[in-house]
Amino acid sequence: MVLIVGALVAASLISRLVWLITRRWPDSIGKAVAINAVSAVIVVVAAAYGSAYGGGSPKFYLAFMIFGGAQLIVLIFDVFWLIRLKPSAGAR
């Protein structure tokens, strides 16, 4: 349980950092997907090398299963947030 919460926090923080870097881009679902893809690569690679205890080989599969899932949850929240912020077409 603690590992999943830690993965969600790490994925969310890296995603927000990348989002701040790209704040001049217009907000869209494509931007959210691109940001979360970049964040997933960063988080998974960092976690894989972080799990290599004592100079062992990086555990990319394990890192992808845990942190990739957490990044997917962050992406879902980002997409729902963007859909919620869009004004509806009928409201004038």
PDB file of N, CA and C in Angstrom:
ATOM      1  N   MET A   1       0.828  -1.194   0.000  1.00  0.00           N
ATOM      2  CA  MET A   1       0.000   0.000   0.000  1.00  0.00           C
ATOM      3  C   MET A   1       0.872   1.258   0.000  1.00  0.00           C
ATOM      4  N   VAL A   2       1.912   1.257   0.822  1.00  0.00           N
ATOM      5  CA  VAL A   2       2.790   2.411   0.917  1.00  0.00           C
ATOM      6  C   VAL A   2       3.534   2.623  -0.401  1.00  0.00           C
ATOM      7  N   LEU A   3       3.898   1.548  -1.068  1.00  0.00           N
ATOM      8  CA  LEU A   3       4.611   1.648  -2.341  1.00  0.00           C
ATOM      9  C   LEU A   3       3.734   2.298  -3.413  1.00  0.00           C
ATOM     10  N   ILE A   4       2.452   1.952  -3.441  1.00  0.00           N
ATOM     11  CA  ILE A   4       1.539   2.525  -4.426  1.00  0.00           C
ATOM     12  C   ILE A   4       1.330   4.020  -4.155  1.00  0.00           C
ATOM     13  N   VAL A   5       1.164   4.378  -2.887  1.00  0.00           N
ATOM     14  CA  VAL A   5       0.985   5.792  -2.542  1.00  0.00           C
ATOM     15  C   VAL A   5       2.249   6.581  -2.896  1.00  0.00           C
ATOM     16  N   GLY A   6       3.407   6.022  -2.602  1.00  0.00           N
ATOM     17  CA  GLY A   6       4.664   6.672  -2.958  1.00  0.00           C
ATOM     18  C   GLY A   6       4.820   6.821  -4.464  1.00  0.00           C
ATOM     19  N   ALA A   7       4.391   5.811  -5.202  1.00  0.00           N
ATOM     20  CA  ALA A   7       4.449   5.879  -6.667  1.00  0.00           C
ATOM     21  C   ALA A   7       3.512   6.960  -7.196  1.00  0.00           C
ATOM     22  N   LEU A   8       2.328   7.067  -6.616  1.00  0.00           N
ATOM     23  CA  LEU A   8       1.388   8.108  -7.035  1.00  0.00           C
ATOM     24  C   LEU A   8       1.946   9.506  -6.748  1.00  0.00           C
ATOM     25  N   VAL A   9       2.557   9.663  -5.593  1.00  0.00           N
ATOM     26  CA  VAL A   9       3.133  10.967  -5.250  1.00  0.00           C
ATOM     27  C   VAL A   9       4.280  11.309  -6.196  1.00  0.00           C
ATOM     28  N   ALA A  10       5.160  10.360  -6.442  1.00  0.00           N
ATOM     29  CA  ALA A  10       6.290  10.613  -7.343  1.00  0.00           C
ATOM     30  C   ALA A  10       5.809  10.919  -8.762  1.00  0.00           C
ATOM     31  N   ALA A  11       4.874  10.131  -9.262  1.00  0.00           N
ATOM     32  CA  ALA A  11       4.362  10.350 -10.619  1.00  0.00           C
ATOM     33  C   ALA A  11       3.662  11.699 -10.723  1.00  0.00           C
ATOM     34  N   SER A  12       2.913  12.056  -9.709  1.00  0.00           N
ATOM     35  CA  SER A  12       2.202  13.323  -9.723  1.00  0.00           C
ATOM     36  C   SER A  12       3.169  14.509  -9.665  1.00  0.00           C
ATOM     37  N   LEU A  13       4.183  14.419  -8.818  1.00  0.00           N
ATOM     38  CA  LEU A  13       5.142  15.524  -8.701  1.00  0.00           C
ATOM     39  C   LEU A  13       5.944  15.724  -9.979  1.00  0.00           C
ATOM     40  N   ILE A  14       6.411  14.645 -10.574  1.00  0.00           N
ATOM     41  CA  ILE A  14       7.169  14.767 -11.829  1.00  0.00           C
ATOM     42  C   ILE A  14       6.262  15.297 -12.941  1.00  0.00           C
ATOM     43  N   SER A  15       5.028  14.832 -12.967  1.00  0.00           N
ATOM     44  CA  SER A  15       4.078  15.294 -13.975  1.00  0.00           C
ATOM     45  C   SER A  15       3.819  16.788 -13.827  1.00  0.00           C
ATOM     46  N   ARG A  16       3.648  17.264 -12.606  1.00  0.00           N
ATOM     47  CA  ARG A  16       3.411  18.691 -12.364  1.00  0.00           C
ATOM     48  C   ARG A  16       4.640  19.517 -12.744  1.00  0.00           C
ATOM     49  N   LEU A  17       5.822  18.991 -12.500  1.00  0.00           N
ATOM     50  CA  LEU A  17       7.042  19.700 -12.875  1.00  0.00           C
ATOM     51  C   LEU A  17       7.131  19.857 -14.394  1.00  0.00           C
ATOM     52  N   VAL A  18       6.847  18.782 -15.110  1.00  0.00           N
ATOM     53  CA  VAL A  18       6.860  18.852 -16.580  1.00  0.00           C
ATOM     54  C   VAL A  18       5.731  19.762 -17.068  1.00  0.00           C
ATOM     55  N   TRP A  19       4.584  19.740 -16.384  1.00  0.00           N
ATOM     56  CA  TRP A  19       3.461  20.600 -16.756  1.00  0.00           C
ATOM     57  C   TRP A  19       3.860  22.073 -16.605  1.00  0.00           C
ATOM     58  N   LEU A  20       4.597  22.404 -15.550  1.00  0.00           N
ATOM     59  CA  LEU A  20       5.060  23.783 -15.365  1.00  0.00           C
ATOM     60  C   LEU A  20       6.030  24.217 -16.457  1.00  0.00           C
ATOM     61  N   ILE A  21       6.871  23.299 -16.889  1.00  0.00           N
ATOM     62  CA  ILE A  21       7.826  23.616 -17.950  1.00  0.00           C
ATOM     63  C   ILE A  21       7.090  23.924 -19.258  1.00  0.00           C
ATOM     64  N   THR A  22       5.987  23.243 -19.491  1.00  0.00           N
ATOM     65  CA  THR A  22       5.242  23.400 -20.750  1.00  0.00           C
ATOM     66  C   THR A  22       3.988  24.253 -20.567  1.00  0.00           C
ATOM     67  N   ARG A  23       3.977  25.153 -19.619  1.00  0.00           N
ATOM     68  CA  ARG A  23       2.759  25.915 -19.324  1.00  0.00           C
ATOM     69  C   ARG A  23       2.330  26.851 -20.448  1.00  0.00           C
ATOM     70  N   ARG A  24       3.233  27.202 -21.339  1.00  0.00           N
ATOM     71  CA  ARG A  24       2.864  28.091 -22.459  1.00  0.00           C
ATOM     72  C   ARG A  24       2.118  27.356 -23.564  1.00  0.00           C
ATOM     73  N   TRP A  25       2.198  26.041 -23.584  1.00  0.00           N
ATOM     74  CA  TRP A  25       1.433  25.279 -24.578  1.00  0.00           C
ATOM     75  C   TRP A  25      -0.038  25.357 -24.202  1.00  0.00           C
ATOM     76  N   PRO A  26      -0.926  25.370 -25.183  1.00  0.00           N
ATOM     77  CA  PRO A  26      -2.355  25.373 -24.838  1.00  0.00           C
ATOM     78  C   PRO A  26      -2.760  24.039 -24.203  1.00  0.00           C
ATOM     79  N   ASP A  27      -3.611  24.136 -23.196  1.00  0.00           N
ATOM     80  CA  ASP A  27      -4.056  22.923 -22.508  1.00  0.00           C
ATOM     81  C   ASP A  27      -4.948  22.094 -23.419  1.00  0.00           C
ATOM     82  N   SER A  28      -4.606  20.830 -23.560  1.00  0.00           N
ATOM     83  CA  SER A  28      -5.401  19.907 -24.364  1.00  0.00           C
ATOM     84  C   SER A  28      -5.133  18.491 -23.867  1.00  0.00           C
ATOM     85  N   ILE A  29      -5.922  17.582 -24.353  1.00  0.00           N
ATOM     86  CA  ILE A  29      -5.734  16.186 -23.968  1.00  0.00           C
ATOM     87  C   ILE A  29      -4.424  15.655 -24.549  1.00  0.00           C
ATOM     88  N   GLY A  30      -4.059  16.114 -25.741  1.00  0.00           N
ATOM     89  CA  GLY A  30      -2.786  15.725 -26.337  1.00  0.00           C
ATOM     90  C   GLY A  30      -1.601  16.165 -25.489  1.00  0.00           C
ATOM     91  N   LYS A  31      -1.695  17.372 -24.932  1.00  0.00           N
ATOM     92  CA  LYS A  31      -0.640  17.866 -24.049  1.00  0.00           C
ATOM     93  C   LYS A  31      -0.565  16.998 -22.801  1.00  0.00           C
ATOM     94  N   ALA A  32      -1.709  16.638 -22.250  1.00  0.00           N
ATOM     95  CA  ALA A  32      -1.725  15.806 -21.051  1.00  0.00           C
ATOM     96  C   ALA A  32      -1.102  14.437 -21.320  1.00  0.00           C
ATOM     97  N   VAL A  33      -1.407  13.861 -22.466  1.00  0.00           N
ATOM     98  CA  VAL A  33      -0.839  12.557 -22.816  1.00  0.00           C
ATOM     99  C   VAL A  33       0.670  12.670 -23.019  1.00  0.00           C
ATOM    100  N   ALA A  34       1.116  13.710 -23.715  1.00  0.00           N
ATOM    101  CA  ALA A  34       2.553  13.884 -23.941  1.00  0.00           C
ATOM    102  C   ALA A  34       3.306  14.114 -22.636  1.00  0.00           C
ATOM    103  N   ILE A  35       2.759  14.934 -21.776  1.00  0.00           N
ATOM    104  CA  ILE A  35       3.405  15.213 -20.491  1.00  0.00           C
ATOM    105  C   ILE A  35       3.482  13.956 -19.643  1.00  0.00           C
ATOM    106  N   ASN A  36       2.415  13.194 -19.611  1.00  0.00           N
ATOM    107  CA  ASN A  36       2.417  11.978 -18.800  1.00  0.00           C
ATOM    108  C   ASN A  36       3.308  10.899 -19.400  1.00  0.00           C
ATOM    109  N   ALA A  37       3.469  10.881 -20.716  1.00  0.00           N
ATOM    110  CA  ALA A  37       4.397   9.927 -21.334  1.00  0.00           C
ATOM    111  C   ALA A  37       5.837  10.261 -20.960  1.00  0.00           C
ATOM    112  N   VAL A  38       6.179  11.543 -21.021  1.00  0.00           N
ATOM    113  CA  VAL A  38       7.530  11.962 -20.630  1.00  0.00           C
ATOM    114  C   VAL A  38       7.754  11.690 -19.147  1.00  0.00           C
ATOM    115  N   SER A  39       6.760  12.006 -18.334  1.00  0.00           N
ATOM    116  CA  SER A  39       6.872  11.761 -16.897  1.00  0.00           C
ATOM    117  C   SER A  39       7.009  10.276 -16.587  1.00  0.00           C
ATOM    118  N   ALA A  40       6.288   9.442 -17.319  1.00  0.00           N
ATOM    119  CA  ALA A  40       6.369   7.997 -17.093  1.00  0.00           C
ATOM    120  C   ALA A  40       7.763   7.475 -17.396  1.00  0.00           C
ATOM    121  N   VAL A  41       8.355   7.952 -18.480  1.00  0.00           N
ATOM    122  CA  VAL A  41       9.719   7.519 -18.807  1.00  0.00           C
ATOM    123  C   VAL A  41      10.683   7.925 -17.699  1.00  0.00           C
ATOM    124  N   ILE A  42      10.582   9.162 -17.237  1.00  0.00           N
ATOM    125  CA  ILE A  42      11.472   9.643 -16.182  1.00  0.00           C
ATOM    126  C   ILE A  42      11.298   8.836 -14.906  1.00  0.00           C
ATOM    127  N   VAL A  43      10.059   8.646 -14.497  1.00  0.00           N
ATOM    128  CA  VAL A  43       9.786   7.960 -13.231  1.00  0.00           C
ATOM    129  C   VAL A  43      10.162   6.484 -13.307  1.00  0.00           C
ATOM    130  N   VAL A  44       9.846   5.818 -14.397  1.00  0.00           N
ATOM    131  CA  VAL A  44      10.150   4.386 -14.515  1.00  0.00           C
ATOM    132  C   VAL A  44      11.656   4.146 -14.561  1.00  0.00           C
ATOM    133  N   VAL A  45      12.381   4.952 -15.311  1.00  0.00           N
ATOM    134  CA  VAL A  45      13.836   4.779 -15.380  1.00  0.00           C
ATOM    135  C   VAL A  45      14.466   5.053 -14.021  1.00  0.00           C
ATOM    136  N   ALA A  46      14.026   6.114 -13.354  1.00  0.00           N
ATOM    137  CA  ALA A  46      14.568   6.425 -12.029  1.00  0.00           C
ATOM    138  C   ALA A  46      14.251   5.317 -11.024  1.00  0.00           C
ATOM    139  N   ALA A  47      13.047   4.785 -11.074  1.00  0.00           N
ATOM    140  CA  ALA A  47      12.668   3.719 -10.147  1.00  0.00           C
ATOM    141  C   ALA A  47      13.405   2.419 -10.466  1.00  0.00           C
ATOM    142  N   ALA A  48      13.621   2.132 -11.734  1.00  0.00           N
ATOM    143  CA  ALA A  48      14.329   0.901 -12.113  1.00  0.00           C
ATOM    144  C   ALA A  48      15.762   0.926 -11.607  1.00  0.00           C
ATOM    145  N   TYR A  49      16.423   2.057 -11.787  1.00  0.00           N
ATOM    146  CA  TYR A  49      17.795   2.156 -11.300  1.00  0.00           C
ATOM    147  C   TYR A  49      17.838   2.293  -9.781  1.00  0.00           C
ATOM    148  N   GLY A  50      16.801   2.869  -9.207  1.00  0.00           N
ATOM    149  CA  GLY A  50      16.731   2.964  -7.747  1.00  0.00           C
ATOM    150  C   GLY A  50      16.513   1.625  -7.080  1.00  0.00           C
ATOM    151  N   SER A  51      15.884   0.697  -7.796  1.00  0.00           N
ATOM    152  CA  SER A  51      15.636  -0.626  -7.219  1.00  0.00           C
ATOM    153  C   SER A  51      16.788  -1.594  -7.459  1.00  0.00           C
ATOM    154  N   ALA A  52      17.837  -1.149  -8.106  1.00  0.00           N
ATOM    155  CA  ALA A  52      19.008  -2.004  -8.347  1.00  0.00           C
ATOM    156  C   ALA A  52      19.881  -1.970  -7.093  1.00  0.00           C
ATOM    157  N   TYR A  53      19.595  -2.863  -6.184  1.00  0.00           N
ATOM    158  CA  TYR A  53      20.273  -2.879  -4.898  1.00  0.00           C
ATOM    159  C   TYR A  53      21.738  -3.269  -5.059  1.00  0.00           C
ATOM    160  N   GLY A  54      22.624  -2.496  -4.505  1.00  0.00           N
ATOM    161  CA  GLY A  54      24.037  -2.853  -4.457  1.00  0.00           C
ATOM    162  C   GLY A  54      24.689  -3.023  -5.817  1.00  0.00           C
ATOM    163  N   GLY A  55      24.256  -2.286  -6.815  1.00  0.00           N
ATOM    164  CA  GLY A  55      24.877  -2.373  -8.129  1.00  0.00           C
ATOM    165  C   GLY A  55      24.339  -3.494  -8.996  1.00  0.00           C
ATOM    166  N   GLY A  56      23.202  -4.061  -8.644  1.00  0.00           N
ATOM    167  CA  GLY A  56      22.592  -5.101  -9.470  1.00  0.00           C
ATOM    168  C   GLY A  56      21.978  -4.504 -10.724  1.00  0.00           C
ATOM    169  N   SER A  57      21.352  -5.344 -11.487  1.00  0.00           N
ATOM    170  CA  SER A  57      20.737  -4.859 -12.725  1.00  0.00           C
ATOM    171  C   SER A  57      19.438  -4.112 -12.407  1.00  0.00           C
ATOM    172  N   PRO A  58      19.112  -3.090 -13.194  1.00  0.00           N
ATOM    173  CA  PRO A  58      17.875  -2.336 -12.976  1.00  0.00           C
ATOM    174  C   PRO A  58      16.650  -3.232 -13.215  1.00  0.00           C
ATOM    175  N   LYS A  59      15.629  -3.018 -12.442  1.00  0.00           N
ATOM    176  CA  LYS A  59      14.405  -3.828 -12.533  1.00  0.00           C
ATOM    177  C   LYS A  59      13.320  -3.014 -13.250  1.00  0.00           C
ATOM    178  N   PHE A  60      13.444  -2.951 -14.581  1.00  0.00           N
ATOM    179  CA  PHE A  60      12.532  -2.146 -15.384  1.00  0.00           C
ATOM    180  C   PHE A  60      11.106  -2.682 -15.361  1.00  0.00           C
ATOM    181  N   TYR A  61      10.957  -4.008 -15.380  1.00  0.00           N
ATOM    182  CA  TYR A  61       9.613  -4.590 -15.388  1.00  0.00           C
ATOM    183  C   TYR A  61       8.861  -4.234 -14.111  1.00  0.00           C
ATOM    184  N   LEU A  62       9.512  -4.384 -12.973  1.00  0.00           N
ATOM    185  CA  LEU A  62       8.891  -4.062 -11.697  1.00  0.00           C
ATOM    186  C   LEU A  62       8.562  -2.573 -11.615  1.00  0.00           C
ATOM    187  N   ALA A  63       9.494  -1.736 -12.042  1.00  0.00           N
ATOM    188  CA  ALA A  63       9.261  -0.285 -12.012  1.00  0.00           C
ATOM    189  C   ALA A  63       8.123   0.103 -12.946  1.00  0.00           C
ATOM    190  N   PHE A  64       8.056  -0.535 -14.107  1.00  0.00           N
ATOM    191  CA  PHE A  64       6.981  -0.232 -15.051  1.00  0.00           C
ATOM    192  C   PHE A  64       5.627  -0.646 -14.494  1.00  0.00           C
ATOM    193  N   MET A  65       5.563  -1.789 -13.846  1.00  0.00           N
ATOM    194  CA  MET A  65       4.294  -2.267 -13.296  1.00  0.00           C
ATOM    195  C   MET A  65       3.777  -1.340 -12.202  1.00  0.00           C
ATOM    196  N   ILE A  66       4.651  -0.868 -11.344  1.00  0.00           N
ATOM    197  CA  ILE A  66       4.222  -0.035 -10.225  1.00  0.00           C
ATOM    198  C   ILE A  66       4.067   1.425 -10.644  1.00  0.00           C
ATOM    199  N   PHE A  67       5.122   2.001 -11.187  1.00  0.00           N
ATOM    200  CA  PHE A  67       5.104   3.425 -11.488  1.00  0.00           C
ATOM    201  C   PHE A  67       4.366   3.732 -12.784  1.00  0.00           C
ATOM    202  N   GLY A  68       4.342   2.790 -13.716  1.00  0.00           N
ATOM    203  CA  GLY A  68       3.545   2.990 -14.930  1.00  0.00           C
ATOM    204  C   GLY A  68       2.064   3.026 -14.619  1.00  0.00           C
ATOM    205  N   GLY A  69       1.632   2.165 -13.716  1.00  0.00           N
ATOM    206  CA  GLY A  69       0.229   2.181 -13.284  1.00  0.00           C
ATOM    207  C   GLY A  69      -0.131   3.463 -12.562  1.00  0.00           C
ATOM    208  N   ALA A  70       0.788   3.932 -11.725  1.00  0.00           N
ATOM    209  CA  ALA A  70       0.554   5.194 -11.020  1.00  0.00           C
ATOM    210  C   ALA A  70       0.478   6.358 -12.006  1.00  0.00           C
ATOM    211  N   GLN A  71       1.327   6.344 -13.018  1.00  0.00           N
ATOM    212  CA  GLN A  71       1.301   7.414 -14.022  1.00  0.00           C
ATOM    213  C   GLN A  71       0.017   7.365 -14.831  1.00  0.00           C
ATOM    214  N   LEU A  72      -0.511   6.186 -15.076  1.00  0.00           N
ATOM    215  CA  LEU A  72      -1.787   6.054 -15.778  1.00  0.00           C
ATOM    216  C   LEU A  72      -2.917   6.673 -14.954  1.00  0.00           C
ATOM    217  N   ILE A  73      -2.892   6.481 -13.655  1.00  0.00           N
ATOM    218  CA  ILE A  73      -3.900   7.089 -12.776  1.00  0.00           C
ATOM    219  C   ILE A  73      -3.784   8.610 -12.827  1.00  0.00           C
ATOM    220  N   VAL A  74      -2.565   9.131 -12.814  1.00  0.00           N
ATOM    221  CA  VAL A  74      -2.362  10.579 -12.908  1.00  0.00           C
ATOM    222  C   VAL A  74      -2.875  11.091 -14.250  1.00  0.00           C
ATOM    223  N   LEU A  75      -2.648  10.362 -15.327  1.00  0.00           N
ATOM    224  CA  LEU A  75      -3.157  10.755 -16.644  1.00  0.00           C
ATOM    225  C   LEU A  75      -4.684  10.814 -16.647  1.00  0.00           C
ATOM    226  N   ILE A  76      -5.324   9.842 -16.051  1.00  0.00           N
ATOM    227  CA  ILE A  76      -6.788   9.831 -15.992  1.00  0.00           C
ATOM    228  C   ILE A  76      -7.297  11.064 -15.249  1.00  0.00           C
ATOM    229  N   PHE A  77      -6.662  11.399 -14.134  1.00  0.00           N
ATOM    230  CA  PHE A  77      -7.065  12.602 -13.405  1.00  0.00           C
ATOM    231  C   PHE A  77      -6.832  13.865 -14.228  1.00  0.00           C
ATOM    232  N   ASP A  78      -5.730  13.927 -14.955  1.00  0.00           N
ATOM    233  CA  ASP A  78      -5.450  15.090 -15.808  1.00  0.00           C
ATOM    234  C   ASP A  78      -6.502  15.245 -16.896  1.00  0.00           C
ATOM    235  N   VAL A  79      -6.876  14.154 -17.529  1.00  0.00           N
ATOM    236  CA  VAL A  79      -7.880  14.214 -18.598  1.00  0.00           C
ATOM    237  C   VAL A  79      -9.233  14.632 -18.037  1.00  0.00           C
ATOM    238  N   PHE A  80      -9.630  14.070 -16.898  1.00  0.00           N
ATOM    239  CA  PHE A  80     -10.897  14.486 -16.288  1.00  0.00           C
ATOM    240  C   PHE A  80     -10.868  15.956 -15.895  1.00  0.00           C
ATOM    241  N   TRP A  81      -9.718  16.433 -15.420  1.00  0.00           N
ATOM    242  CA  TRP A  81      -9.571  17.839 -15.051  1.00  0.00           C
ATOM    243  C   TRP A  81      -9.716  18.737 -16.278  1.00  0.00           C
ATOM    244  N   LEU A  82      -9.108  18.331 -17.390  1.00  0.00           N
ATOM    245  CA  LEU A  82      -9.215  19.131 -18.618  1.00  0.00           C
ATOM    246  C   LEU A  82     -10.636  19.133 -19.171  1.00  0.00           C
ATOM    247  N   ILE A  83     -11.308  17.992 -19.122  1.00  0.00           N
ATOM    248  CA  ILE A  83     -12.686  17.921 -19.610  1.00  0.00           C
ATOM    249  C   ILE A  83     -13.599  18.777 -18.741  1.00  0.00           C
ATOM    250  N   ARG A  84     -13.356  18.770 -17.458  1.00  0.00           N
ATOM    251  CA  ARG A  84     -14.173  19.544 -16.526  1.00  0.00           C
ATOM    252  C   ARG A  84     -13.963  21.051 -16.714  1.00  0.00           C
ATOM    253  N   LEU A  85     -12.761  21.471 -17.091  1.00  0.00           N
ATOM    254  CA  LEU A  85     -12.474  22.887 -17.279  1.00  0.00           C
ATOM    255  C   LEU A  85     -13.018  23.450 -18.584  1.00  0.00           C
ATOM    256  N   LYS A  86     -13.223  22.574 -19.586  1.00  0.00           N
ATOM    257  CA  LYS A  86     -13.726  23.058 -20.875  1.00  0.00           C
ATOM    258  C   LYS A  86     -15.155  23.555 -20.716  1.00  0.00           C
ATOM    259  N   PRO A  87     -15.449  24.731 -21.239  1.00  0.00           N
ATOM    260  CA  PRO A  87     -16.831  25.203 -21.191  1.00  0.00           C
ATOM    261  C   PRO A  87     -17.692  24.370 -22.140  1.00  0.00           C
ATOM    262  N   SER A  88     -18.895  24.108 -21.742  1.00  0.00           N
ATOM    263  CA  SER A  88     -19.782  23.309 -22.594  1.00  0.00           C
ATOM    264  C   SER A  88     -20.227  24.143 -23.797  1.00  0.00           C
ATOM    265  N   ALA A  89     -20.500  23.473 -24.897  1.00  0.00           N
ATOM    266  CA  ALA A  89     -20.840  24.157 -26.151  1.00  0.00           C
ATOM    267  C   ALA A  89     -22.211  24.813 -26.066  1.00  0.00           C
ATOM    268  N   GLY A  90     -23.134  24.263 -25.282  1.00  0.00           N
ATOM    269  CA  GLY A  90     -24.484  24.803 -25.203  1.00  0.00           C
ATOM    270  C   GLY A  90     -24.617  25.986 -24.261  1.00  0.00           C
ATOM    271  N   ALA A  91     -23.701  26.194 -23.367  1.00  0.00           N
ATOM    272  CA  ALA A  91     -23.803  27.284 -22.386  1.00  0.00           C
ATOM    273  C   ALA A  91     -23.262  28.582 -22.987  1.00  0.00           C
ATOM    274  N   ARG A  92     -24.172  29.522 -23.232  1.00  0.00           N
ATOM    275  CA  ARG A  92     -23.780  30.842 -23.763  1.00  0.00           C
ATOM    276  C   ARG A  92     -24.468  31.920 -23.007  1.00  0.00           C
TER     277      ARG A  92
END
